[in-house]
Amino acid sequence: MMNRSPPRPCEPKQRVEDPLRMDPDCAWSWEYGWRNQSRRINLWEQSISPLGHVGPSMMLSLRCNGRGRLLRRCLCWNIRGLNDPCKRRAVYNTMVEHRIHMCCLQETKMEEVSEATVRETGGGFLDAHIYKGAVGTAGRMMIMWNSGKWRAIAKSGGRFSILVLLECRKSGWTWVCSCVYGPHDDQSREQLWDELSAVRAEWNYPWVILGDFNVTRYVGDRNRPGPISPGMTSFSSWIDEEGLLDIPLCNSSYTWSNMQEVPSMARLDRVLLNTD
C-alpha cells in the first residue's frame, strides 16, 4: 500500500480545555496476519475517568507492513449521554487532537441524532454516520467516519450492534467495523453472539468488533475476582469458535468503575479481530 499523508482535520477556532480530554501515555503494538498480509495494531486505553458520568475510551490504529496507514486511529467511547454539550465537545476535541478517522460511540442516550449533532461531534471531518436507537436509553450507538477517505458499501443494525462495511477510496481495501453494546443477561448474550456470527457468515472481510460487551472474560478482568460465570464461559467459547483475537489493553487493567470510595472495577470493553 502506498504511503499517504496524515489527515488534516478541522481545527476548532478556540479549543476548550475540559476534564474529559484523552491523554494516552503509552501504546501497545502487535503483529498479526490478515489474508497473508502483515498488519500492526496499536491500541491505546485511557485510564478510567474520575468523573462518574463519562465512560472509558479506547483508540485503535491499523498499519500495513509498517507503511501506509489503513486506519489512522479509531476512537471507541462509552460516552453515556451524547446529549450533553460537554461530552460532544470532549469527543470533538479528542478527534481533533488525535486525528481520528472513525468514532464508535455507545450509550448515546439519544432517540435520534440530528445532522447538527453529527457536525458538532465530528467537526465536519467525520461527516458520515450510522445510528441505532433502542427501547429506553441503553444500547444506543453511533459509528462516524470520514466519507472522503471511506466509502460505505453497506450499513446494518441489529439488536445489540451496528456495523458498516467500508472501502478505502484510495486503496480499495475493504473491512467491516462492528460497534457493540452488550446486554446484561446471559440469554440475551447468546442472541448477541448469534447476531455477530451472522456478520462473519455473510461477509468474508477483515473484521473489527469493538465496544462495551457488558461481560468479563477472565477472573482477572475484575478487581474483586469471583467465580467463573456462565456468561464468561459463553463469551470465551464464542471468541474461540469464531477464531477472533482479543487485543490486550494498555495503560489500564479495567474499563469500568462504579466510582465508589472503594471501587468495583471490571474490563467490559474490548477490541476483537478476525485473522482471515
Protein backbone atom coordinates (compact mmCIF):
# COMPACT_ATOMS: atom_id res chain seq x y z
CA MET A 1 0.00 0.00 0.00
CA MET A 2 1.30 3.45 -0.88
CA ASN A 3 2.27 5.99 1.75
CA ARG A 4 -0.11 8.81 2.23
CA SER A 5 -0.08 11.98 4.24
CA PRO A 6 -1.93 12.05 7.56
CA PRO A 7 -5.41 13.59 7.54
CA ARG A 8 -5.91 17.26 8.23
CA PRO A 9 -8.98 17.53 10.42
CA CYS A 10 -10.80 20.74 11.12
CA GLU A 11 -9.20 22.64 13.96
CA PRO A 12 -11.56 24.39 16.34
CA LYS A 13 -11.26 28.16 16.34
CA GLN A 14 -10.79 28.06 20.08
CA ARG A 15 -10.08 24.73 21.67
CA VAL A 16 -11.84 24.42 25.01
CA GLU A 17 -9.90 22.56 27.66
CA ASP A 18 -12.02 20.19 29.70
CA PRO A 19 -11.53 17.31 32.16
CA LEU A 20 -12.72 14.75 29.60
CA ARG A 21 -9.68 15.21 27.38
CA MET A 22 -8.00 11.93 26.45
CA ASP A 23 -4.29 11.79 27.12
CA PRO A 24 -2.93 8.27 26.44
CA ASP A 25 0.65 7.98 27.61
CA CYS A 26 1.64 4.69 26.06
CA ALA A 27 0.79 2.39 23.18
CA TRP A 28 0.83 -1.34 22.63
CA SER A 29 1.72 -2.91 19.27
CA TRP A 30 1.23 -6.38 17.93
CA GLU A 31 1.84 -8.02 14.56
CA TYR A 32 -0.75 -10.38 13.14
CA GLY A 33 -1.93 -11.63 9.77
CA TRP A 34 -4.90 -10.67 7.63
CA ARG A 35 -5.07 -12.58 4.37
CA ASN A 36 -1.32 -13.18 4.32
CA GLN A 37 -0.58 -9.51 4.86
CA SER A 38 1.19 -8.22 7.93
CA ARG A 39 -0.78 -5.75 9.99
CA ARG A 40 0.23 -3.85 13.08
CA ILE A 41 -2.19 -2.87 15.80
CA ASN A 42 -1.65 -0.01 18.19
CA LEU A 43 -4.20 0.19 20.97
CA TRP A 44 -4.44 3.00 23.46
CA GLU A 45 -6.61 2.79 26.54
CA GLN A 46 -7.50 5.80 28.62
CA SER A 47 -7.37 5.32 32.36
CA ILE A 48 -10.79 5.25 33.98
CA SER A 49 -12.04 8.79 34.39
CA PRO A 50 -12.63 10.00 37.96
CA LEU A 51 -15.79 11.60 36.63
CA GLY A 52 -18.55 9.04 37.11
CA HIS A 53 -20.66 10.42 34.28
CA VAL A 54 -18.32 9.60 31.43
CA GLY A 55 -17.14 6.19 30.32
CA PRO A 56 -13.76 4.84 29.24
CA SER A 57 -12.38 5.22 25.76
CA MET A 58 -10.05 3.24 23.52
CA MET A 59 -8.16 4.07 20.34
CA LEU A 60 -7.15 1.58 17.66
CA SER A 61 -4.63 2.12 14.85
CA LEU A 62 -4.03 -0.21 11.89
CA ARG A 63 -0.95 -0.18 9.67
CA CYS A 64 0.02 -2.21 6.61
CA ASN A 65 3.53 -3.70 6.65
CA GLY A 66 4.79 -0.69 8.58
CA ARG A 67 3.99 1.59 5.62
CA GLY A 68 0.72 3.31 4.75
CA ARG A 69 -1.85 3.55 7.48
CA LEU A 70 -5.08 1.70 6.80
CA LEU A 71 -6.82 3.37 9.69
CA ARG A 72 -5.03 6.23 11.40
CA ARG A 73 -6.98 5.87 14.62
CA CYS A 74 -10.43 4.67 15.60
CA LEU A 75 -11.94 6.03 18.80
CA CYS A 76 -14.30 3.83 20.82
CA TRP A 77 -16.09 5.55 23.70
CA ASN A 78 -18.96 4.66 26.02
CA ILE A 79 -19.98 8.29 26.22
CA ARG A 80 -23.05 7.82 28.47
CA GLY A 81 -25.10 10.65 27.05
CA LEU A 82 -24.21 12.49 23.84
CA ASN A 83 -26.98 14.99 24.55
CA ASP A 84 -24.56 16.73 26.94
CA PRO A 85 -22.71 19.53 25.03
CA CYS A 86 -19.66 18.97 27.24
CA LYS A 87 -19.42 15.37 26.04
CA ARG A 88 -19.87 16.32 22.40
CA ARG A 89 -17.03 18.80 22.86
CA ALA A 90 -14.92 16.09 24.52
CA VAL A 91 -15.40 13.75 21.55
CA TYR A 92 -14.63 16.56 19.10
CA ASN A 93 -11.51 17.68 20.97
CA THR A 94 -10.24 14.10 21.13
CA MET A 95 -10.97 13.60 17.44
CA VAL A 96 -9.02 16.73 16.52
CA GLU A 97 -6.11 16.12 18.87
CA HIS A 98 -5.52 12.52 17.79
CA ARG A 99 -6.65 12.85 14.15
CA ILE A 100 -9.35 10.24 14.44
CA HIS A 101 -10.55 8.54 11.24
CA MET A 102 -13.51 6.79 12.84
CA CYS A 103 -15.50 7.06 16.03
CA CYS A 104 -17.70 4.40 17.67
CA LEU A 105 -19.91 5.64 20.50
CA GLN A 106 -22.07 3.62 22.89
CA GLU A 107 -24.85 4.70 25.25
CA THR A 108 -25.52 7.95 23.42
CA LYS A 109 -28.93 8.05 25.17
CA MET A 110 -30.50 9.98 22.30
CA GLU A 111 -33.55 8.72 20.45
CA GLU A 112 -32.30 10.34 17.26
CA VAL A 113 -29.24 12.34 16.24
CA SER A 114 -29.54 15.38 14.02
CA GLU A 115 -27.07 16.42 11.35
CA ALA A 116 -26.20 19.35 13.59
CA THR A 117 -25.24 16.94 16.39
CA VAL A 118 -23.12 14.92 13.97
CA ARG A 119 -21.35 18.08 12.79
CA GLU A 120 -20.79 19.29 16.34
CA THR A 121 -19.40 15.92 17.41
CA GLY A 122 -17.38 15.08 14.29
CA GLY A 123 -16.36 18.63 13.47
CA GLY A 124 -17.11 18.25 9.77
CA PHE A 125 -14.25 15.74 9.41
CA LEU A 126 -16.27 12.70 10.49
CA ASP A 127 -19.21 13.59 8.29
CA ALA A 128 -20.89 10.22 7.67
CA HIS A 129 -22.58 8.03 10.24
CA ILE A 130 -24.89 5.16 11.12
CA TYR A 131 -27.03 5.43 14.22
CA LYS A 132 -29.13 2.96 16.17
CA GLY A 133 -31.65 3.87 18.82
CA ALA A 134 -33.21 1.40 21.26
CA VAL A 135 -36.11 0.94 23.60
CA GLY A 136 -35.29 3.03 26.66
CA THR A 137 -31.96 4.82 26.79
CA ALA A 138 -29.49 1.94 26.84
CA GLY A 139 -27.96 0.42 23.76
CA ARG A 140 -27.95 3.48 21.54
CA MET A 141 -24.86 3.51 19.34
CA MET A 142 -23.27 5.50 16.54
CA ILE A 143 -20.39 4.96 14.14
CA MET A 144 -18.92 8.03 12.44
CA TRP A 145 -16.30 8.14 9.67
CA ASN A 146 -14.73 10.40 7.06
CA SER A 147 -16.62 9.89 3.81
CA GLY A 148 -13.72 11.38 1.86
CA LYS A 149 -11.49 8.51 2.95
CA TRP A 150 -14.01 5.69 3.31
CA ARG A 151 -16.92 4.70 1.10
CA ALA A 152 -19.75 2.91 2.90
CA ILE A 153 -20.72 -0.15 0.86
CA ALA A 154 -23.32 -1.38 3.35
CA LYS A 155 -24.73 -0.43 6.75
CA SER A 156 -26.74 -2.59 9.11
CA GLY A 157 -28.09 -2.60 12.65
CA GLY A 158 -29.03 -5.48 14.92
CA ARG A 159 -30.45 -5.57 18.41
CA PHE A 160 -27.09 -5.18 20.16
CA SER A 161 -24.74 -3.95 17.44
CA ILE A 162 -24.38 -1.81 14.36
CA LEU A 163 -21.92 -2.24 11.53
CA VAL A 164 -20.60 -0.59 8.41
CA LEU A 165 -18.75 -2.20 5.50
CA LEU A 166 -16.14 0.32 4.37
CA GLU A 167 -13.89 0.59 1.35
CA CYS A 168 -10.82 2.82 1.33
CA ARG A 169 -11.26 5.27 -1.55
CA LYS A 170 -7.52 5.39 -2.19
CA SER A 171 -6.52 1.73 -1.98
CA GLY A 172 -9.78 -0.19 -2.30
CA TRP A 173 -9.07 -2.08 0.94
CA THR A 174 -12.39 -3.26 2.42
CA TRP A 175 -13.23 -4.15 6.00
CA VAL A 176 -16.13 -4.43 8.44
CA CYS A 177 -16.47 -2.41 11.65
CA SER A 178 -18.98 -3.58 14.27
CA CYS A 179 -19.84 -1.43 17.29
CA VAL A 180 -21.30 -3.36 20.24
CA TYR A 181 -23.25 -2.52 23.37
CA GLY A 182 -23.89 -5.84 25.07
CA PRO A 183 -26.87 -6.93 27.18
CA HIS A 184 -26.69 -7.73 30.88
CA ASP A 185 -28.34 -11.18 30.93
CA ASP A 186 -26.98 -14.49 29.68
CA GLN A 187 -29.93 -15.32 27.45
CA SER A 188 -29.63 -12.06 25.55
CA ARG A 189 -25.87 -12.50 25.28
CA GLU A 190 -26.44 -15.69 23.31
CA GLN A 191 -28.51 -13.59 20.91
CA LEU A 192 -25.61 -11.14 20.60
CA TRP A 193 -23.16 -13.93 19.74
CA ASP A 194 -25.59 -15.22 17.10
CA GLU A 195 -26.03 -11.69 15.75
CA LEU A 196 -22.29 -11.21 15.36
CA SER A 197 -21.70 -14.70 13.97
CA ALA A 198 -24.17 -13.88 11.20
CA VAL A 199 -21.91 -10.99 10.18
CA ARG A 200 -18.95 -13.35 9.86
CA ALA A 201 -21.02 -15.77 7.81
CA GLU A 202 -22.23 -13.07 5.40
CA TRP A 203 -19.07 -11.03 4.82
CA ASN A 204 -15.63 -12.58 4.42
CA TYR A 205 -13.64 -9.42 5.08
CA PRO A 206 -11.25 -8.22 7.77
CA TRP A 207 -13.48 -7.54 10.75
CA VAL A 208 -13.04 -5.35 13.82
CA ILE A 209 -15.56 -5.71 16.67
CA LEU A 210 -15.26 -3.15 19.44
CA GLY A 211 -17.36 -1.71 22.22
CA ASP A 212 -18.87 -2.41 25.62
CA PHE A 213 -19.74 -6.11 25.87
CA ASN A 214 -21.06 -5.79 29.45
CA VAL A 215 -19.41 -9.08 30.38
CA THR A 216 -15.93 -10.07 31.50
CA ARG A 217 -13.96 -12.93 30.01
CA TYR A 218 -11.45 -13.85 32.71
CA VAL A 219 -11.48 -13.87 36.51
CA GLY A 220 -8.71 -11.25 36.42
CA ASP A 221 -10.95 -8.88 34.47
CA ARG A 222 -12.37 -7.70 37.82
CA ASN A 223 -10.55 -6.18 40.75
CA ARG A 224 -12.68 -8.35 43.02
CA PRO A 225 -12.41 -11.78 41.40
CA GLY A 226 -15.32 -14.15 41.78
CA PRO A 227 -16.35 -17.48 40.26
CA ILE A 228 -16.42 -18.08 36.52
CA SER A 229 -19.96 -17.32 35.40
CA PRO A 230 -21.88 -18.92 32.51
CA GLY A 231 -21.69 -15.56 30.71
CA MET A 232 -17.88 -15.58 30.91
CA THR A 233 -17.71 -19.15 29.61
CA SER A 234 -20.11 -18.34 26.77
CA PHE A 235 -18.11 -15.24 25.79
CA SER A 236 -14.79 -17.10 25.67
CA SER A 237 -16.31 -20.01 23.76
CA TRP A 238 -17.75 -17.68 21.13
CA ILE A 239 -14.43 -15.85 20.67
CA ASP A 240 -12.62 -19.17 20.22
CA GLU A 241 -15.25 -20.59 17.87
CA GLU A 242 -15.04 -17.54 15.62
CA GLY A 243 -11.24 -17.53 15.70
CA LEU A 244 -11.06 -13.95 16.97
CA LEU A 245 -8.10 -12.18 18.52
CA ASP A 246 -8.71 -10.48 21.86
CA ILE A 247 -6.48 -7.39 21.88
CA PRO A 248 -4.93 -6.57 25.28
CA LEU A 249 -5.31 -3.13 26.80
CA CYS A 250 -2.61 -0.62 27.52
CA ASN A 251 -2.44 1.84 30.41
CA SER A 252 -5.25 0.22 32.38
CA SER A 253 -6.45 -3.19 33.52
CA TYR A 254 -10.11 -2.17 33.72
CA THR A 255 -12.52 -0.09 31.65
CA TRP A 256 -15.40 0.36 34.10
CA SER A 257 -15.70 1.55 37.68
CA ASN A 258 -18.64 2.24 39.97
CA MET A 259 -16.68 5.28 41.21
CA GLN A 260 -17.15 4.46 44.87
CA GLU A 261 -14.60 5.18 47.60
CA VAL A 262 -13.67 1.50 47.47
CA PRO A 263 -14.48 0.89 43.80
CA SER A 264 -15.54 -2.21 41.96
CA MET A 265 -13.79 -2.27 38.58
CA ALA A 266 -14.01 -4.51 35.54
CA ARG A 267 -12.88 -4.80 31.95
CA LEU A 268 -16.13 -4.67 29.99
CA ASP A 269 -14.80 -3.01 26.81
CA ARG A 270 -12.85 -4.97 24.21
CA VAL A 271 -11.47 -4.92 20.68
CA LEU A 272 -11.73 -8.22 18.78
CA LEU A 273 -10.31 -9.01 15.33
CA ASN A 274 -10.56 -11.86 12.88
CA THR A 275 -7.46 -13.33 11.24
CA ASP A 276 -8.84 -14.41 7.88
